[in-house]
Amino acid sequence: VQLVESGGGLVETGGSLRLSCAASGRTFNGYAMGWFRQASGKERELVATISWSGTNTYYVESVKGRFTVSRDNAKNTGTLQMNSLKPEDTAVYYCASGPGGYNGVIHTVNSYIYWGQGTQVTVSS
């Protein structure tokens, strides 16, 4: 099982980036997808998560209105669209997947089973 993120990079404050996560190696029916980030010297935090059905989503307060999570189950991919980026968004971003049922979202890091390798997002001031 493999999750591969792409789309990170360097962007100026106010800019946008689109992260993608490609999953392979098994079927992900009933698996929620989450996006985490870890800034240097800080703990990994949940940024956004989406249920397998796509019906339910969750965003950490600091990204609400700026980030949008989505997924395409037919292609086994997930996306995190990040707009109005701020320097405090700088971090390594990870996608992850775990069993959540048809409509479930997962908030706890330990409930995610599969993880990508991470992609660096740097927002310059």
N, C-alpha and C. Protein backbone atom coordinates (compact mmCIF):
# COMPACT_ATOMS: atom_id res chain seq x y z
N VAL A 1 0.85 -1.18 0.00
CA VAL A 1 0.00 0.00 0.00
C VAL A 1 0.89 1.23 0.00
N GLN A 2 0.52 2.17 -0.87
CA GLN A 2 1.36 3.35 -1.01
C GLN A 2 0.50 4.59 -1.19
N LEU A 3 0.87 5.65 -0.46
CA LEU A 3 0.28 6.97 -0.67
C LEU A 3 1.42 7.89 -1.08
N VAL A 4 1.21 8.62 -2.17
CA VAL A 4 2.25 9.49 -2.69
C VAL A 4 1.68 10.89 -2.85
N GLU A 5 2.28 11.85 -2.13
CA GLU A 5 1.87 13.24 -2.25
C GLU A 5 2.68 13.93 -3.34
N SER A 6 2.07 14.94 -3.89
CA SER A 6 2.76 15.80 -4.85
C SER A 6 2.13 17.18 -4.80
N GLY A 7 2.83 18.16 -5.35
CA GLY A 7 2.27 19.50 -5.47
C GLY A 7 2.82 20.52 -4.50
N GLY A 8 3.71 20.11 -3.61
CA GLY A 8 4.30 21.07 -2.70
C GLY A 8 5.26 21.99 -3.42
N GLY A 9 5.74 23.00 -2.68
CA GLY A 9 6.70 23.92 -3.28
C GLY A 9 6.80 25.20 -2.49
N LEU A 10 7.39 26.19 -3.13
CA LEU A 10 7.59 27.51 -2.54
C LEU A 10 6.60 28.49 -3.16
N VAL A 11 5.91 29.24 -2.33
CA VAL A 11 4.93 30.20 -2.82
C VAL A 11 4.97 31.43 -1.93
N GLU A 12 4.59 32.55 -2.47
CA GLU A 12 4.55 33.78 -1.69
C GLU A 12 3.26 33.85 -0.87
N THR A 13 3.29 34.67 0.16
CA THR A 13 2.09 34.90 0.96
C THR A 13 0.93 35.32 0.06
N GLY A 14 -0.21 34.70 0.29
CA GLY A 14 -1.38 34.97 -0.51
C GLY A 14 -1.54 34.07 -1.72
N GLY A 15 -0.52 33.29 -1.99
CA GLY A 15 -0.57 32.40 -3.14
C GLY A 15 -1.33 31.12 -2.87
N SER A 16 -1.34 30.24 -3.87
CA SER A 16 -2.08 28.99 -3.79
C SER A 16 -1.20 27.81 -4.19
N LEU A 17 -1.52 26.68 -3.63
CA LEU A 17 -0.93 25.41 -4.02
C LEU A 17 -2.01 24.34 -3.97
N ARG A 18 -1.83 23.32 -4.79
CA ARG A 18 -2.76 22.21 -4.82
C ARG A 18 -1.98 20.93 -4.58
N LEU A 19 -2.23 20.31 -3.45
CA LEU A 19 -1.57 19.05 -3.13
C LEU A 19 -2.43 17.88 -3.59
N SER A 20 -1.78 16.87 -4.10
CA SER A 20 -2.48 15.66 -4.53
C SER A 20 -1.92 14.46 -3.79
N CYS A 21 -2.77 13.47 -3.59
CA CYS A 21 -2.37 12.23 -2.93
C CYS A 21 -2.89 11.07 -3.77
N ALA A 22 -1.98 10.26 -4.27
CA ALA A 22 -2.35 9.10 -5.08
C ALA A 22 -2.17 7.84 -4.25
N ALA A 23 -3.23 7.06 -4.14
CA ALA A 23 -3.21 5.84 -3.33
C ALA A 23 -3.20 4.61 -4.23
N SER A 24 -2.46 3.60 -3.82
CA SER A 24 -2.41 2.37 -4.59
C SER A 24 -2.12 1.19 -3.68
N GLY A 25 -2.36 0.01 -4.18
CA GLY A 25 -2.01 -1.20 -3.45
C GLY A 25 -3.15 -1.93 -2.77
N ARG A 26 -4.30 -1.28 -2.67
CA ARG A 26 -5.47 -1.94 -2.10
C ARG A 26 -6.69 -1.09 -2.44
N THR A 27 -7.86 -1.63 -2.15
CA THR A 27 -9.06 -0.82 -2.28
C THR A 27 -9.24 0.00 -1.01
N PHE A 28 -9.75 1.21 -1.17
CA PHE A 28 -9.90 2.10 -0.03
C PHE A 28 -11.37 2.37 0.29
N ASN A 29 -12.22 1.41 -0.03
CA ASN A 29 -13.63 1.56 0.30
C ASN A 29 -13.80 1.72 1.80
N GLY A 30 -14.53 2.76 2.18
CA GLY A 30 -14.77 2.99 3.60
C GLY A 30 -13.61 3.64 4.33
N TYR A 31 -12.61 4.08 3.60
CA TYR A 31 -11.45 4.72 4.23
C TYR A 31 -11.54 6.23 4.10
N ALA A 32 -11.42 6.90 5.24
CA ALA A 32 -11.32 8.35 5.22
C ALA A 32 -9.91 8.76 4.80
N MET A 33 -9.80 9.97 4.31
CA MET A 33 -8.48 10.50 3.96
C MET A 33 -8.26 11.79 4.75
N GLY A 34 -7.06 11.89 5.29
CA GLY A 34 -6.72 13.07 6.06
C GLY A 34 -5.47 13.72 5.55
N TRP A 35 -5.37 15.02 5.79
CA TRP A 35 -4.16 15.78 5.48
C TRP A 35 -3.61 16.34 6.79
N PHE A 36 -2.36 16.07 7.03
CA PHE A 36 -1.68 16.54 8.23
C PHE A 36 -0.52 17.43 7.82
N ARG A 37 -0.03 18.19 8.76
CA ARG A 37 1.18 18.96 8.52
C ARG A 37 2.03 18.97 9.79
N GLN A 38 3.32 19.10 9.56
CA GLN A 38 4.25 19.16 10.67
C GLN A 38 5.29 20.23 10.38
N ALA A 39 5.22 21.29 11.15
CA ALA A 39 6.21 22.35 11.03
C ALA A 39 7.43 22.00 11.86
N SER A 40 8.53 22.61 11.53
CA SER A 40 9.78 22.31 12.22
C SER A 40 9.64 22.57 13.71
N GLY A 41 9.97 21.55 14.51
CA GLY A 41 9.92 21.70 15.95
C GLY A 41 8.54 21.58 16.57
N LYS A 42 7.55 21.26 15.76
CA LYS A 42 6.18 21.17 16.26
C LYS A 42 5.61 19.77 16.03
N GLU A 43 4.53 19.48 16.71
CA GLU A 43 3.87 18.20 16.54
C GLU A 43 3.07 18.17 15.24
N ARG A 44 2.85 16.97 14.75
CA ARG A 44 2.03 16.82 13.57
C ARG A 44 0.58 17.15 13.92
N GLU A 45 -0.07 17.94 13.07
CA GLU A 45 -1.45 18.32 13.33
C GLU A 45 -2.34 18.00 12.14
N LEU A 46 -3.58 17.66 12.46
CA LEU A 46 -4.56 17.41 11.42
C LEU A 46 -4.99 18.75 10.81
N VAL A 47 -4.96 18.81 9.50
CA VAL A 47 -5.38 20.01 8.78
C VAL A 47 -6.81 19.86 8.26
N ALA A 48 -7.07 18.73 7.63
CA ALA A 48 -8.39 18.49 7.05
C ALA A 48 -8.58 17.00 6.86
N THR A 49 -9.84 16.59 6.85
CA THR A 49 -10.14 15.19 6.59
C THR A 49 -11.46 15.10 5.86
N ILE A 50 -11.62 14.04 5.08
CA ILE A 50 -12.82 13.85 4.29
C ILE A 50 -13.22 12.38 4.38
N SER A 51 -14.52 12.15 4.48
CA SER A 51 -15.02 10.79 4.55
C SER A 51 -14.89 10.10 3.18
N TRP A 52 -15.04 8.77 3.18
CA TRP A 52 -14.96 8.04 1.92
C TRP A 52 -16.04 8.53 0.95
N SER A 53 -17.22 8.78 1.48
CA SER A 53 -18.32 9.24 0.62
C SER A 53 -18.11 10.64 0.09
N GLY A 54 -17.21 11.40 0.74
CA GLY A 54 -17.03 12.80 0.37
C GLY A 54 -18.05 13.73 0.98
N THR A 55 -19.00 13.16 1.71
CA THR A 55 -20.10 13.94 2.26
C THR A 55 -19.65 14.78 3.45
N ASN A 56 -18.80 14.22 4.26
CA ASN A 56 -18.38 14.89 5.49
C ASN A 56 -16.93 15.32 5.42
N THR A 57 -16.67 16.53 5.89
CA THR A 57 -15.32 17.06 5.94
C THR A 57 -15.10 17.75 7.28
N TYR A 58 -13.85 17.92 7.61
CA TYR A 58 -13.46 18.64 8.82
C TYR A 58 -12.21 19.45 8.49
N TYR A 59 -12.15 20.67 9.02
CA TYR A 59 -10.98 21.52 8.86
C TYR A 59 -10.57 22.08 10.22
N VAL A 60 -9.29 22.15 10.43
CA VAL A 60 -8.81 22.85 11.62
C VAL A 60 -9.15 24.32 11.45
N GLU A 61 -9.42 24.99 12.54
CA GLU A 61 -9.93 26.36 12.49
C GLU A 61 -9.04 27.29 11.68
N SER A 62 -7.74 27.10 11.77
CA SER A 62 -6.80 28.03 11.13
C SER A 62 -6.83 27.99 9.61
N VAL A 63 -7.44 26.95 9.02
CA VAL A 63 -7.46 26.86 7.56
C VAL A 63 -8.86 26.98 6.98
N LYS A 64 -9.86 27.09 7.82
CA LYS A 64 -11.23 27.18 7.34
C LYS A 64 -11.39 28.38 6.42
N GLY A 65 -12.06 28.16 5.30
CA GLY A 65 -12.27 29.22 4.33
C GLY A 65 -11.12 29.40 3.37
N ARG A 66 -9.99 28.77 3.63
CA ARG A 66 -8.82 28.89 2.75
C ARG A 66 -8.47 27.57 2.07
N PHE A 67 -8.65 26.47 2.77
CA PHE A 67 -8.31 25.15 2.25
C PHE A 67 -9.57 24.38 1.91
N THR A 68 -9.48 23.55 0.88
CA THR A 68 -10.59 22.69 0.51
C THR A 68 -10.07 21.29 0.24
N VAL A 69 -10.67 20.31 0.89
CA VAL A 69 -10.28 18.92 0.70
C VAL A 69 -11.31 18.23 -0.19
N SER A 70 -10.83 17.37 -1.06
CA SER A 70 -11.72 16.63 -1.94
C SER A 70 -11.08 15.29 -2.27
N ARG A 71 -11.85 14.43 -2.92
CA ARG A 71 -11.31 13.13 -3.31
C ARG A 71 -12.05 12.61 -4.53
N ASP A 72 -11.38 11.71 -5.25
CA ASP A 72 -11.97 11.04 -6.41
C ASP A 72 -11.75 9.56 -6.19
N ASN A 73 -12.77 8.87 -5.72
CA ASN A 73 -12.61 7.45 -5.38
C ASN A 73 -12.37 6.59 -6.62
N ALA A 74 -12.88 6.99 -7.73
CA ALA A 74 -12.67 6.22 -8.96
C ALA A 74 -11.20 6.21 -9.35
N LYS A 75 -10.49 7.27 -9.00
CA LYS A 75 -9.07 7.38 -9.34
C LYS A 75 -8.17 7.12 -8.13
N ASN A 76 -8.78 6.86 -6.97
CA ASN A 76 -8.00 6.66 -5.74
C ASN A 76 -7.07 7.84 -5.45
N THR A 77 -7.60 9.03 -5.58
CA THR A 77 -6.80 10.22 -5.34
C THR A 77 -7.52 11.17 -4.39
N GLY A 78 -6.73 11.98 -3.73
CA GLY A 78 -7.26 13.03 -2.88
C GLY A 78 -6.53 14.33 -3.17
N THR A 79 -7.17 15.43 -2.85
CA THR A 79 -6.62 16.74 -3.16
C THR A 79 -6.84 17.69 -1.98
N LEU A 80 -5.85 18.53 -1.75
CA LEU A 80 -5.98 19.61 -0.78
C LEU A 80 -5.65 20.90 -1.52
N GLN A 81 -6.66 21.69 -1.78
CA GLN A 81 -6.48 22.99 -2.43
C GLN A 81 -6.24 24.02 -1.34
N MET A 82 -5.12 24.71 -1.44
CA MET A 82 -4.73 25.67 -0.41
C MET A 82 -4.64 27.06 -1.03
N ASN A 83 -5.48 27.95 -0.58
CA ASN A 83 -5.50 29.33 -1.07
C ASN A 83 -5.14 30.29 0.05
N SER A 84 -4.82 31.50 -0.34
CA SER A 84 -4.50 32.56 0.65
C SER A 84 -3.48 32.06 1.67
N LEU A 85 -2.43 31.47 1.16
CA LEU A 85 -1.44 30.86 2.04
C LEU A 85 -0.71 31.91 2.87
N LYS A 86 -0.35 31.49 4.08
CA LYS A 86 0.33 32.35 5.03
C LYS A 86 1.66 31.71 5.43
N PRO A 87 2.60 32.49 5.92
CA PRO A 87 3.88 31.89 6.36
C PRO A 87 3.69 30.80 7.41
N GLU A 88 2.69 30.94 8.24
CA GLU A 88 2.46 29.92 9.27
C GLU A 88 1.91 28.61 8.70
N ASP A 89 1.61 28.57 7.43
CA ASP A 89 1.22 27.31 6.78
C ASP A 89 2.44 26.50 6.36
N THR A 90 3.63 27.06 6.50
CA THR A 90 4.84 26.37 6.12
C THR A 90 5.01 25.11 6.95
N ALA A 91 5.18 23.98 6.28
CA ALA A 91 5.30 22.69 6.96
C ALA A 91 5.49 21.59 5.92
N VAL A 92 5.79 20.40 6.42
CA VAL A 92 5.70 19.21 5.57
C VAL A 92 4.26 18.70 5.68
N TYR A 93 3.64 18.49 4.55
CA TYR A 93 2.25 18.04 4.50
C TYR A 93 2.20 16.56 4.13
N TYR A 94 1.37 15.83 4.87
CA TYR A 94 1.22 14.40 4.67
C TYR A 94 -0.24 14.05 4.39
N CYS A 95 -0.46 13.12 3.50
CA CYS A 95 -1.79 12.55 3.38
C CYS A 95 -1.78 11.20 4.10
N ALA A 96 -2.93 10.81 4.58
CA ALA A 96 -3.06 9.57 5.34
C ALA A 96 -4.45 9.00 5.12
N SER A 97 -4.58 7.71 5.37
CA SER A 97 -5.87 7.06 5.18
C SER A 97 -6.12 6.05 6.29
N GLY A 98 -7.38 5.96 6.70
CA GLY A 98 -7.74 5.02 7.75
C GLY A 98 -9.21 4.66 7.65
N PRO A 99 -9.62 3.55 8.23
CA PRO A 99 -11.02 3.11 8.14
C PRO A 99 -11.96 4.02 8.91
N GLY A 100 -12.93 4.56 8.20
CA GLY A 100 -13.88 5.47 8.83
C GLY A 100 -15.32 5.19 8.47
N GLY A 101 -15.52 4.13 7.67
CA GLY A 101 -16.87 3.84 7.24
C GLY A 101 -17.29 4.74 6.10
N TYR A 102 -18.52 4.65 5.70
CA TYR A 102 -18.99 5.36 4.52
C TYR A 102 -18.94 6.88 4.70
N ASN A 103 -19.38 7.36 5.85
CA ASN A 103 -19.47 8.80 6.07
C ASN A 103 -18.57 9.34 7.17
N GLY A 104 -17.71 8.47 7.70
CA GLY A 104 -16.93 8.89 8.86
C GLY A 104 -15.69 9.68 8.52
N VAL A 105 -15.38 10.66 9.36
CA VAL A 105 -14.11 11.36 9.31
C VAL A 105 -13.32 10.98 10.55
N ILE A 106 -12.01 11.08 10.47
CA ILE A 106 -11.14 10.65 11.56
C ILE A 106 -10.30 11.83 12.00
N HIS A 107 -10.31 12.10 13.31
CA HIS A 107 -9.59 13.25 13.84
C HIS A 107 -8.28 12.87 14.52
N THR A 108 -8.12 11.62 14.90
CA THR A 108 -6.95 11.23 15.68
C THR A 108 -5.88 10.62 14.79
N VAL A 109 -4.66 11.06 14.99
CA VAL A 109 -3.55 10.63 14.14
C VAL A 109 -3.34 9.13 14.23
N ASN A 110 -3.55 8.53 15.39
CA ASN A 110 -3.29 7.10 15.55
C ASN A 110 -4.31 6.22 14.85
N SER A 111 -5.40 6.80 14.40
CA SER A 111 -6.42 6.03 13.70
C SER A 111 -6.13 5.91 12.21
N TYR A 112 -5.13 6.62 11.75
CA TYR A 112 -4.75 6.53 10.34
C TYR A 112 -3.71 5.41 10.18
N ILE A 113 -3.93 4.56 9.20
CA ILE A 113 -3.08 3.38 9.02
C ILE A 113 -2.00 3.61 7.99
N TYR A 114 -2.36 4.26 6.90
CA TYR A 114 -1.43 4.43 5.78
C TYR A 114 -1.04 5.91 5.66
N TRP A 115 0.24 6.13 5.39
CA TRP A 115 0.78 7.48 5.34
C TRP A 115 1.63 7.66 4.10
N GLY A 116 1.60 8.87 3.56
CA GLY A 116 2.52 9.23 2.50
C GLY A 116 3.84 9.69 3.08
N GLN A 117 4.77 10.01 2.20
CA GLN A 117 6.12 10.39 2.62
C GLN A 117 6.23 11.88 2.95
N GLY A 118 5.24 12.63 2.56
CA GLY A 118 5.24 14.06 2.85
C GLY A 118 5.75 14.90 1.70
N THR A 119 5.26 16.13 1.64
CA THR A 119 5.71 17.09 0.64
C THR A 119 5.86 18.45 1.33
N GLN A 120 6.95 19.14 1.02
CA GLN A 120 7.25 20.40 1.69
C GLN A 120 6.46 21.54 1.07
N VAL A 121 5.84 22.33 1.93
CA VAL A 121 5.18 23.57 1.52
C VAL A 121 5.85 24.71 2.28
N THR A 122 6.36 25.67 1.52
CA THR A 122 7.02 26.82 2.12
C THR A 122 6.36 28.09 1.61
N VAL A 123 5.91 28.92 2.54
CA VAL A 123 5.25 30.17 2.19
C VAL A 123 6.15 31.31 2.65
N SER A 124 6.62 32.09 1.70
CA SER A 124 7.52 33.19 2.02
C SER A 124 6.73 34.45 2.35
N SER A 125 7.29 35.24 3.25
CA SER A 125 6.60 36.48 3.67
C SER A 125 7.03 37.65 2.82
